[in-house]
Full PDB file with SEQRES, HELIX, SHEET, SSBOND, CRYST1, ORIGX, SCALE, CONECT and MASTER records, all heavy atoms in Angstrom:
SEQRES   1 A   40  ALA ASP ALA VAL THR VAL ALA ALA LEU ALA ASN PRO THR          
SEQRES   2 A   40  ALA SER SER TRP LEU ALA LEU ARG ARG ARG ALA ILE GLY          
SEQRES   3 A   40  GLY CYS GLN GLY ARG THR VAL ALA ILE LEU GLY ALA THR          
SEQRES   4 A   40  SER                                                          
HELIX    1 AA1 ALA A    3  LEU A   18  1                                  16    
HELIX    2 AA2 ALA A   19  ARG A   23  3                                   5    
CRYST1    1.000    1.000    1.000  90.00  90.00  90.00 P 1           1          
ORIGX1      1.000000  0.000000  0.000000        0.00000                         
ORIGX2      0.000000  1.000000  0.000000        0.00000                         
ORIGX3      0.000000  0.000000  1.000000        0.00000                         
SCALE1      1.000000  0.000000  0.000000        0.00000                         
SCALE2      0.000000  1.000000  0.000000        0.00000                         
SCALE3      0.000000  0.000000  1.000000        0.00000                         
ATOM      1  N   ALA A   1      26.451 -31.191  15.348  1.00  0.00           N  
ATOM      2  CA  ALA A   1      26.307 -29.927  16.053  1.00  0.00           C  
ATOM      3  C   ALA A   1      25.829 -28.851  15.134  1.00  0.00           C  
ATOM      4  O   ALA A   1      26.279 -28.736  13.948  1.00  0.00           O  
ATOM      5  CB  ALA A   1      27.648 -29.514  16.682  1.00  0.00           C  
ATOM      6  N   ASP A   2      24.900 -27.937  15.579  1.00  0.00           N  
ATOM      7  CA  ASP A   2      24.404 -26.873  14.757  1.00  0.00           C  
ATOM      8  C   ASP A   2      25.245 -25.615  15.048  1.00  0.00           C  
ATOM      9  O   ASP A   2      25.345 -25.196  16.173  1.00  0.00           O  
ATOM     10  CB  ASP A   2      22.932 -26.622  15.110  1.00  0.00           C  
ATOM     11  CG  ASP A   2      22.342 -25.481  14.326  1.00  0.00           C  
ATOM     12  OD1 ASP A   2      22.171 -25.614  13.099  1.00  0.00           O  
ATOM     13  OD2 ASP A   2      22.128 -24.390  14.934  1.00  0.00           O  
ATOM     14  N   ALA A   3      25.801 -25.035  14.002  1.00  0.00           N  
ATOM     15  CA  ALA A   3      26.725 -23.899  14.158  1.00  0.00           C  
ATOM     16  C   ALA A   3      26.074 -22.738  14.844  1.00  0.00           C  
ATOM     17  O   ALA A   3      26.661 -22.066  15.707  1.00  0.00           O  
ATOM     18  CB  ALA A   3      27.295 -23.529  12.810  1.00  0.00           C  
ATOM     19  N   VAL A   4      24.800 -22.419  14.444  1.00  0.00           N  
ATOM     20  CA  VAL A   4      24.143 -21.264  15.018  1.00  0.00           C  
ATOM     21  C   VAL A   4      23.858 -21.472  16.534  1.00  0.00           C  
ATOM     22  O   VAL A   4      24.044 -20.592  17.333  1.00  0.00           O  
ATOM     23  CB  VAL A   4      22.814 -20.982  14.241  1.00  0.00           C  
ATOM     24  CG1 VAL A   4      21.930 -19.972  14.988  1.00  0.00           C  
ATOM     25  CG2 VAL A   4      23.171 -20.467  12.860  1.00  0.00           C  
ATOM     26  N   THR A   5      23.404 -22.671  16.863  1.00  0.00           N  
ATOM     27  CA  THR A   5      23.116 -22.986  18.257  1.00  0.00           C  
ATOM     28  C   THR A   5      24.359 -22.905  19.118  1.00  0.00           C  
ATOM     29  O   THR A   5      24.347 -22.318  20.222  1.00  0.00           O  
ATOM     30  CB  THR A   5      22.472 -24.369  18.428  1.00  0.00           C  
ATOM     31  OG1 THR A   5      21.276 -24.442  17.592  1.00  0.00           O  
ATOM     32  CG2 THR A   5      22.111 -24.685  19.868  1.00  0.00           C  
ATOM     33  N   VAL A   6      25.463 -23.454  18.642  1.00  0.00           N  
ATOM     34  CA  VAL A   6      26.731 -23.394  19.413  1.00  0.00           C  
ATOM     35  C   VAL A   6      27.161 -21.928  19.541  1.00  0.00           C  
ATOM     36  O   VAL A   6      27.548 -21.493  20.657  1.00  0.00           O  
ATOM     37  CB  VAL A   6      27.828 -24.172  18.608  1.00  0.00           C  
ATOM     38  CG1 VAL A   6      29.210 -23.928  19.251  1.00  0.00           C  
ATOM     39  CG2 VAL A   6      27.530 -25.674  18.671  1.00  0.00           C  
ATOM     40  N   ALA A   7      27.056 -21.114  18.494  1.00  0.00           N  
ATOM     41  CA  ALA A   7      27.453 -19.714  18.607  1.00  0.00           C  
ATOM     42  C   ALA A   7      26.550 -18.954  19.553  1.00  0.00           C  
ATOM     43  O   ALA A   7      27.018 -18.108  20.350  1.00  0.00           O  
ATOM     44  CB  ALA A   7      27.397 -19.048  17.220  1.00  0.00           C  
ATOM     45  N   ALA A   8      25.272 -19.274  19.579  1.00  0.00           N  
ATOM     46  CA  ALA A   8      24.342 -18.612  20.446  1.00  0.00           C  
ATOM     47  C   ALA A   8      24.524 -18.977  21.944  1.00  0.00           C  
ATOM     48  O   ALA A   8      24.386 -18.142  22.863  1.00  0.00           O  
ATOM     49  CB  ALA A   8      22.888 -18.900  20.076  1.00  0.00           C  
ATOM     50  N   LEU A   9      24.849 -20.238  22.202  1.00  0.00           N  
ATOM     51  CA  LEU A   9      24.935 -20.763  23.555  1.00  0.00           C  
ATOM     52  C   LEU A   9      26.318 -20.599  24.192  1.00  0.00           C  
ATOM     53  O   LEU A   9      26.398 -20.619  25.442  1.00  0.00           O  
ATOM     54  CB  LEU A   9      24.576 -22.235  23.571  1.00  0.00           C  
ATOM     55  CG  LEU A   9      23.088 -22.580  23.409  1.00  0.00           C  
ATOM     56  CD1 LEU A   9      22.912 -24.070  23.274  1.00  0.00           C  
ATOM     57  CD2 LEU A   9      22.318 -22.079  24.628  1.00  0.00           C  
ATOM     58  N   ALA A  10      27.333 -20.455  23.419  1.00  0.00           N  
ATOM     59  CA  ALA A  10      28.754 -20.512  23.971  1.00  0.00           C  
ATOM     60  C   ALA A  10      28.940 -19.566  25.142  1.00  0.00           C  
ATOM     61  O   ALA A  10      29.377 -19.973  26.215  1.00  0.00           O  
ATOM     62  CB  ALA A  10      29.723 -20.248  22.840  1.00  0.00           C  
ATOM     63  N   ASN A  11      28.682 -18.252  24.906  1.00  0.00           N  
ATOM     64  CA  ASN A  11      29.019 -17.306  25.989  1.00  0.00           C  
ATOM     65  C   ASN A  11      28.124 -17.419  27.238  1.00  0.00           C  
ATOM     66  O   ASN A  11      28.652 -17.517  28.338  1.00  0.00           O  
ATOM     67  CB  ASN A  11      28.934 -15.885  25.458  1.00  0.00           C  
ATOM     68  CG  ASN A  11      29.216 -14.847  26.515  1.00  0.00           C  
ATOM     69  OD1 ASN A  11      28.322 -14.211  27.045  1.00  0.00           O  
ATOM     70  ND2 ASN A  11      30.449 -14.687  26.867  1.00  0.00           N  
ATOM     71  N   PRO A  12      26.778 -17.518  27.062  1.00  0.00           N  
ATOM     72  CA  PRO A  12      25.979 -17.656  28.286  1.00  0.00           C  
ATOM     73  C   PRO A  12      26.183 -18.941  29.055  1.00  0.00           C  
ATOM     74  O   PRO A  12      26.043 -18.985  30.260  1.00  0.00           O  
ATOM     75  CB  PRO A  12      24.517 -17.500  27.765  1.00  0.00           C  
ATOM     76  CG  PRO A  12      24.606 -17.793  26.322  1.00  0.00           C  
ATOM     77  CD  PRO A  12      25.970 -17.347  25.850  1.00  0.00           C  
ATOM     78  N   THR A  13      26.529 -20.005  28.314  1.00  0.00           N  
ATOM     79  CA  THR A  13      26.725 -21.292  28.964  1.00  0.00           C  
ATOM     80  C   THR A  13      28.106 -21.382  29.602  1.00  0.00           C  
ATOM     81  O   THR A  13      28.260 -21.993  30.668  1.00  0.00           O  
ATOM     82  CB  THR A  13      26.549 -22.457  27.979  1.00  0.00           C  
ATOM     83  OG1 THR A  13      25.290 -22.307  27.262  1.00  0.00           O  
ATOM     84  CG2 THR A  13      26.596 -23.798  28.639  1.00  0.00           C  
ATOM     85  N   ALA A  14      29.086 -20.732  29.011  1.00  0.00           N  
ATOM     86  CA  ALA A  14      30.441 -20.760  29.551  1.00  0.00           C  
ATOM     87  C   ALA A  14      30.480 -20.188  30.971  1.00  0.00           C  
ATOM     88  O   ALA A  14      31.297 -20.678  31.808  1.00  0.00           O  
ATOM     89  CB  ALA A  14      31.374 -20.006  28.629  1.00  0.00           C  
ATOM     90  N   SER A  15      29.640 -19.190  31.259  1.00  0.00           N  
ATOM     91  CA  SER A  15      29.723 -18.554  32.563  1.00  0.00           C  
ATOM     92  C   SER A  15      29.472 -19.523  33.730  1.00  0.00           C  
ATOM     93  O   SER A  15      30.186 -19.575  34.716  1.00  0.00           O  
ATOM     94  CB  SER A  15      28.812 -17.355  32.624  1.00  0.00           C  
ATOM     95  OG  SER A  15      27.445 -17.789  32.549  1.00  0.00           O  
ATOM     96  N   SER A  16      28.409 -20.303  33.588  1.00  0.00           N  
ATOM     97  CA  SER A  16      28.121 -21.251  34.639  1.00  0.00           C  
ATOM     98  C   SER A  16      28.996 -22.502  34.560  1.00  0.00           C  
ATOM     99  O   SER A  16      29.360 -23.061  35.612  1.00  0.00           O  
ATOM    100  CB  SER A  16      26.618 -21.676  34.580  1.00  0.00           C  
ATOM    101  OG  SER A  16      26.270 -22.168  33.264  1.00  0.00           O  
ATOM    102  N   TRP A  17      29.372 -22.903  33.368  1.00  0.00           N  
ATOM    103  CA  TRP A  17      30.255 -24.070  33.242  1.00  0.00           C  
ATOM    104  C   TRP A  17      31.578 -23.809  33.951  1.00  0.00           C  
ATOM    105  O   TRP A  17      32.063 -24.619  34.740  1.00  0.00           O  
ATOM    106  CB  TRP A  17      30.496 -24.352  31.764  1.00  0.00           C  
ATOM    107  CG  TRP A  17      31.416 -25.553  31.502  1.00  0.00           C  
ATOM    108  CD1 TRP A  17      32.784 -25.504  31.412  1.00  0.00           C  
ATOM    109  CD2 TRP A  17      31.027 -26.916  31.350  1.00  0.00           C  
ATOM    110  NE1 TRP A  17      33.280 -26.789  31.182  1.00  0.00           N  
ATOM    111  CE2 TRP A  17      32.229 -27.661  31.156  1.00  0.00           C  
ATOM    112  CE3 TRP A  17      29.812 -27.551  31.324  1.00  0.00           C  
ATOM    113  CZ2 TRP A  17      32.194 -29.027  30.912  1.00  0.00           C  
ATOM    114  CZ3 TRP A  17      29.772 -28.934  31.124  1.00  0.00           C  
ATOM    115  CH2 TRP A  17      30.985 -29.661  30.929  1.00  0.00           C  
ATOM    116  N   LEU A  18      32.162 -22.647  33.719  1.00  0.00           N  
ATOM    117  CA  LEU A  18      33.471 -22.297  34.348  1.00  0.00           C  
ATOM    118  C   LEU A  18      33.295 -22.118  35.856  1.00  0.00           C  
ATOM    119  O   LEU A  18      34.128 -22.508  36.655  1.00  0.00           O  
ATOM    120  CB  LEU A  18      34.041 -21.071  33.711  1.00  0.00           C  
ATOM    121  CG  LEU A  18      34.531 -21.224  32.294  1.00  0.00           C  
ATOM    122  CD1 LEU A  18      34.933 -19.910  31.681  1.00  0.00           C  
ATOM    123  CD2 LEU A  18      35.688 -22.215  32.158  1.00  0.00           C  
ATOM    124  N   ALA A  19      32.174 -21.460  36.258  1.00  0.00           N  
ATOM    125  CA  ALA A  19      31.915 -21.251  37.675  1.00  0.00           C  
ATOM    126  C   ALA A  19      31.820 -22.557  38.444  1.00  0.00           C  
ATOM    127  O   ALA A  19      32.412 -22.726  39.569  1.00  0.00           O  
ATOM    128  CB  ALA A  19      30.653 -20.416  37.890  1.00  0.00           C  
ATOM    129  N   LEU A  20      31.123 -23.535  37.860  1.00  0.00           N  
ATOM    130  CA  LEU A  20      30.845 -24.770  38.590  1.00  0.00           C  
ATOM    131  C   LEU A  20      32.004 -25.755  38.388  1.00  0.00           C  
ATOM    132  O   LEU A  20      32.224 -26.611  39.253  1.00  0.00           O  
ATOM    133  CB  LEU A  20      29.571 -25.389  38.105  1.00  0.00           C  
ATOM    134  CG  LEU A  20      28.263 -24.607  38.475  1.00  0.00           C  
ATOM    135  CD1 LEU A  20      27.063 -25.205  37.803  1.00  0.00           C  
ATOM    136  CD2 LEU A  20      28.123 -24.527  40.004  1.00  0.00           C  
ATOM    137  N   ARG A  21      32.720 -25.667  37.296  1.00  0.00           N  
ATOM    138  CA  ARG A  21      33.857 -26.564  37.036  1.00  0.00           C  
ATOM    139  C   ARG A  21      35.136 -26.078  37.673  1.00  0.00           C  
ATOM    140  O   ARG A  21      35.938 -26.881  38.179  1.00  0.00           O  
ATOM    141  CB  ARG A  21      34.052 -26.727  35.551  1.00  0.00           C  
ATOM    142  CG  ARG A  21      32.961 -27.594  34.842  1.00  0.00           C  
ATOM    143  CD  ARG A  21      33.305 -29.047  34.939  1.00  0.00           C  
ATOM    144  NE  ARG A  21      34.592 -29.371  34.288  1.00  0.00           N  
ATOM    145  CZ  ARG A  21      35.169 -30.544  34.400  1.00  0.00           C  
ATOM    146  NH1 ARG A  21      34.641 -31.522  35.152  1.00  0.00           N  
ATOM    147  NH2 ARG A  21      36.307 -30.763  33.724  1.00  0.00           N  
ATOM    148  N   ARG A  22      35.316 -24.774  37.690  1.00  0.00           N  
ATOM    149  CA  ARG A  22      36.646 -24.191  38.088  1.00  0.00           C  
ATOM    150  C   ARG A  22      36.632 -23.424  39.382  1.00  0.00           C  
ATOM    151  O   ARG A  22      37.656 -23.233  40.022  1.00  0.00           O  
ATOM    152  CB  ARG A  22      37.198 -23.360  36.930  1.00  0.00           C  
ATOM    153  CG  ARG A  22      37.672 -24.177  35.770  1.00  0.00           C  
ATOM    154  CD  ARG A  22      38.900 -24.996  36.137  1.00  0.00           C  
ATOM    155  NE  ARG A  22      39.259 -25.958  35.085  1.00  0.00           N  
ATOM    156  CZ  ARG A  22      40.318 -26.742  35.172  1.00  0.00           C  
ATOM    157  NH1 ARG A  22      41.104 -26.683  36.200  1.00  0.00           N  
ATOM    158  NH2 ARG A  22      40.581 -27.593  34.177  1.00  0.00           N  
ATOM    159  N   ARG A  23      35.469 -22.910  39.800  1.00  0.00           N  
ATOM    160  CA  ARG A  23      35.453 -22.074  40.977  1.00  0.00           C  
ATOM    161  C   ARG A  23      34.774 -22.818  42.165  1.00  0.00           C  
ATOM    162  O   ARG A  23      35.237 -22.673  43.282  1.00  0.00           O  
ATOM    163  CB  ARG A  23      34.717 -20.765  40.689  1.00  0.00           C  
ATOM    164  CG  ARG A  23      35.395 -19.913  39.599  1.00  0.00           C  
ATOM    165  CD  ARG A  23      36.792 -19.528  39.980  1.00  0.00           C  
ATOM    166  NE  ARG A  23      36.818 -18.507  41.049  1.00  0.00           N  
ATOM    167  CZ  ARG A  23      37.796 -18.381  41.933  1.00  0.00           C  
ATOM    168  NH1 ARG A  23      38.822 -19.244  41.964  1.00  0.00           N  
ATOM    169  NH2 ARG A  23      37.718 -17.450  42.890  1.00  0.00           N  
ATOM    170  N   ALA A  24      33.708 -23.478  41.913  1.00  0.00           N  
ATOM    171  CA  ALA A  24      33.049 -24.204  42.991  1.00  0.00           C  
ATOM    172  C   ALA A  24      33.939 -25.310  43.533  1.00  0.00           C  
ATOM    173  O   ALA A  24      34.393 -26.183  42.783  1.00  0.00           O  
ATOM    174  CB  ALA A  24      31.745 -24.839  42.535  1.00  0.00           C  
ATOM    175  N   ILE A  25      34.273 -25.226  44.812  1.00  0.00           N  
ATOM    176  CA  ILE A  25      35.171 -26.231  45.384  1.00  0.00           C  
ATOM    177  C   ILE A  25      34.427 -27.542  45.577  1.00  0.00           C  
ATOM    178  O   ILE A  25      33.387 -27.644  46.236  1.00  0.00           O  
ATOM    179  CB  ILE A  25      35.642 -25.709  46.750  1.00  0.00           C  
ATOM    180  CG1 ILE A  25      36.396 -24.392  46.632  1.00  0.00           C  
ATOM    181  CG2 ILE A  25      36.549 -26.778  47.483  1.00  0.00           C  
ATOM    182  CD1 ILE A  25      36.745 -23.667  47.888  1.00  0.00           C  
ATOM    183  N   GLY A  26      34.931 -28.560  44.914  1.00  0.00           N  
ATOM    184  CA  GLY A  26      34.290 -29.880  44.990  1.00  0.00           C  
ATOM    185  C   GLY A  26      33.202 -30.072  43.967  1.00  0.00           C  
ATOM    186  O   GLY A  26      32.476 -31.096  43.968  1.00  0.00           O  
ATOM    187  N   GLY A  27      32.961 -29.075  43.099  1.00  0.00           N  
ATOM    188  CA  GLY A  27      31.964 -29.198  42.067  1.00  0.00           C  
ATOM    189  C   GLY A  27      30.509 -29.137  42.657  1.00  0.00           C  
ATOM    190  O   GLY A  27      30.321 -28.748  43.811  1.00  0.00           O  
ATOM    191  N   CYS A  28      29.551 -29.546  41.854  1.00  0.00           N  
ATOM    192  CA  CYS A  28      28.186 -29.460  42.306  1.00  0.00           C  
ATOM    193  C   CYS A  28      27.479 -30.811  42.334  1.00  0.00           C  
ATOM    194  O   CYS A  28      26.291 -30.884  42.557  1.00  0.00           O  
ATOM    195  CB  CYS A  28      27.361 -28.497  41.465  1.00  0.00           C  
ATOM    196  SG  CYS A  28      27.152 -28.951  39.753  1.00  0.00           S  
ATOM    197  N   GLN A  29      28.200 -31.871  42.139  1.00  0.00           N  
ATOM    198  CA  GLN A  29      27.654 -33.214  42.203  1.00  0.00           C  
ATOM    199  C   GLN A  29      26.940 -33.475  43.524  1.00  0.00           C  
ATOM    200  O   GLN A  29      27.488 -33.334  44.599  1.00  0.00           O  
ATOM    201  CB  GLN A  29      28.740 -34.288  42.007  1.00  0.00           C  
ATOM    202  CG  GLN A  29      28.224 -35.711  42.044  1.00  0.00           C  
ATOM    203  CD  GLN A  29      27.520 -36.087  40.774  1.00  0.00           C  
ATOM    204  OE1 GLN A  29      27.966 -35.701  39.663  1.00  0.00           O  
ATOM    205  NE2 GLN A  29      26.463 -36.860  40.875  1.00  0.00           N  
ATOM    206  N   GLY A  30      25.625 -33.784  43.464  1.00  0.00           N  
ATOM    207  CA  GLY A  30      24.824 -34.094  44.603  1.00  0.00           C  
ATOM    208  C   GLY A  30      24.496 -32.870  45.470  1.00  0.00           C  
ATOM    209  O   GLY A  30      23.939 -33.050  46.563  1.00  0.00           O  
ATOM    210  N   ARG A  31      24.750 -31.672  45.004  1.00  0.00           N  
ATOM    211  CA  ARG A  31      24.504 -30.487  45.769  1.00  0.00           C  
ATOM    212  C   ARG A  31      23.295 -29.691  45.243  1.00  0.00           C  
ATOM    213  O   ARG A  31      22.817 -29.907  44.148  1.00  0.00           O  
ATOM    214  CB  ARG A  31      25.761 -29.589  45.749  1.00  0.00           C  
ATOM    215  CG  ARG A  31      26.910 -30.178  46.526  1.00  0.00           C  
ATOM    216  CD  ARG A  31      28.175 -29.362  46.336  1.00  0.00           C  
ATOM    217  NE  ARG A  31      29.113 -29.555  47.397  1.00  0.00           N  
ATOM    218  CZ  ARG A  31      30.334 -29.072  47.405  1.00  0.00           C  
ATOM    219  NH1 ARG A  31      30.773 -28.307  46.453  1.00  0.00           N  
ATOM    220  NH2 ARG A  31      31.147 -29.268  48.452  1.00  0.00           N  
ATOM    221  N   THR A  32      22.881 -28.709  46.090  1.00  0.00           N  
ATOM    222  CA  THR A  32      21.805 -27.802  45.695  1.00  0.00           C  
ATOM    223  C   THR A  32      22.426 -26.525  45.180  1.00  0.00           C  
ATOM    224  O   THR A  32      23.190 -25.879  45.925  1.00  0.00           O  
ATOM    225  CB  THR A  32      20.879 -27.487  46.874  1.00  0.00           C  
ATOM    226  OG1 THR A  32      20.142 -28.714  47.280  1.00  0.00           O  
ATOM    227  CG2 THR A  32      19.824 -26.444  46.467  1.00  0.00           C  
ATOM    228  N   VAL A  33      22.063 -26.151  43.974  1.00  0.00           N  
ATOM    229  CA  VAL A  33      22.580 -24.934  43.355  1.00  0.00           C  
ATOM    230  C   VAL A  33      21.445 -23.964  43.194  1.00  0.00           C  
ATOM    231  O   VAL A  33      20.385 -24.293  42.634  1.00  0.00           O  
ATOM    232  CB  VAL A  33      23.210 -25.220  41.971  1.00  0.00           C  
ATOM    233  CG1 VAL A  33      23.633 -23.902  41.286  1.00  0.00           C  
ATOM    234  CG2 VAL A  33      24.339 -26.206  42.074  1.00  0.00           C  
ATOM    235  N   ALA A  34      21.614 -22.749  43.728  1.00  0.00           N  
ATOM    236  CA  ALA A  34      20.642 -21.653  43.593  1.00  0.00           C  
ATOM    237  C   ALA A  34      21.131 -20.681  42.547  1.00  0.00           C  
ATOM    238  O   ALA A  34      22.266 -20.219  42.615  1.00  0.00           O  
ATOM    239  CB  ALA A  34      20.423 -20.983  44.920  1.00  0.00           C  
ATOM    240  N   ILE A  35      20.289 -20.361  41.573  1.00  0.00           N  
ATOM    241  CA  ILE A  35      20.678 -19.449  40.487  1.00  0.00           C  
ATOM    242  C   ILE A  35      19.894 -18.144  40.660  1.00  0.00           C  
ATOM    243  O   ILE A  35      18.672 -18.096  40.430  1.00  0.00           O  
ATOM    244  CB  ILE A  35      20.384 -20.108  39.132  1.00  0.00           C  
ATOM    245  CG1 ILE A  35      21.184 -21.443  39.036  1.00  0.00           C  
ATOM    246  CG2 ILE A  35      20.751 -19.141  38.003  1.00  0.00           C  
ATOM    247  CD1 ILE A  35      20.749 -22.272  37.808  1.00  0.00           C  
ATOM    248  N   LEU A  36      20.622 -17.095  41.012  1.00  0.00           N  
ATOM    249  CA  LEU A  36      19.972 -15.832  41.191  1.00  0.00           C  
ATOM    250  C   LEU A  36      20.037 -15.062  39.860  1.00  0.00           C  
ATOM    251  O   LEU A  36      21.115 -14.762  39.349  1.00  0.00           O  
ATOM    252  CB  LEU A  36      20.730 -15.013  42.271  1.00  0.00           C  
ATOM    253  CG  LEU A  36      20.214 -13.663  42.684  1.00  0.00           C  
ATOM    254  CD1 LEU A  36      18.744 -13.765  43.144  1.00  0.00           C  
ATOM    255  CD2 LEU A  36      21.091 -13.060  43.792  1.00  0.00           C  
ATOM    256  N   GLY A  37      18.870 -14.829  39.254  1.00  0.00           N  
ATOM    257  CA  GLY A  37      18.766 -14.315  37.906  1.00  0.00           C  
ATOM    258  C   GLY A  37      18.528 -15.431  36.941  1.00  0.00           C  
ATOM    259  O   GLY A  37      19.051 -15.454  35.788  1.00  0.00           O  
ATOM    260  N   ALA A  38      17.692 -16.393  37.335  1.00  0.00           N  
ATOM    261  CA  ALA A  38      17.488 -17.608  36.544  1.00  0.00           C  
ATOM    262  C   ALA A  38      16.751 -17.375  35.223  1.00  0.00           C  
ATOM    263  O   ALA A  38      16.719 -18.225  34.376  1.00  0.00           O  
ATOM    264  CB  ALA A  38      16.740 -18.657  37.390  1.00  0.00           C  
ATOM    265  N   THR A  39      16.138 -16.235  35.057  1.00  0.00           N  
ATOM    266  CA  THR A  39      15.395 -15.936  33.816  1.00  0.00           C  
ATOM    267  C   THR A  39      16.277 -15.258  32.778  1.00  0.00           C  
ATOM    268  O   THR A  39      15.785 -15.047  31.647  1.00  0.00           O  
ATOM    269  CB  THR A  39      14.126 -15.111  34.122  1.00  0.00           C  
ATOM    270  OG1 THR A  39      14.525 -13.861  34.724  1.00  0.00           O  
ATOM    271  CG2 THR A  39      13.146 -15.847  35.006  1.00  0.00           C  
ATOM    272  N   SER A  40      17.464 -14.849  33.137  1.00  0.00           N  
ATOM    273  CA  SER A  40      18.405 -14.270  32.155  1.00  0.00           C  
ATOM    274  C   SER A  40      18.871 -15.378  31.203  1.00  0.00           C  
ATOM    275  O   SER A  40      18.724 -16.587  31.498  1.00  0.00           O  
ATOM    276  CB  SER A  40      19.592 -13.620  32.836  1.00  0.00           C  
ATOM    277  OG  SER A  40      20.339 -14.630  33.493  1.00  0.00           O  
TER     278      SER A  40                                                      
MASTER        0    0    0    2    0    0    0    6  277    1    0    4          
END                                                                             
């Protein structure tokens, strides 16, 4: 693992990871996910 890459990605990646793992009921396996603000 590259320390700089991990530090750079942790916060922006955590937002969707937690949303899809902990908030989305039933997860997103086999589903269509729409990302509003996909260029951020």
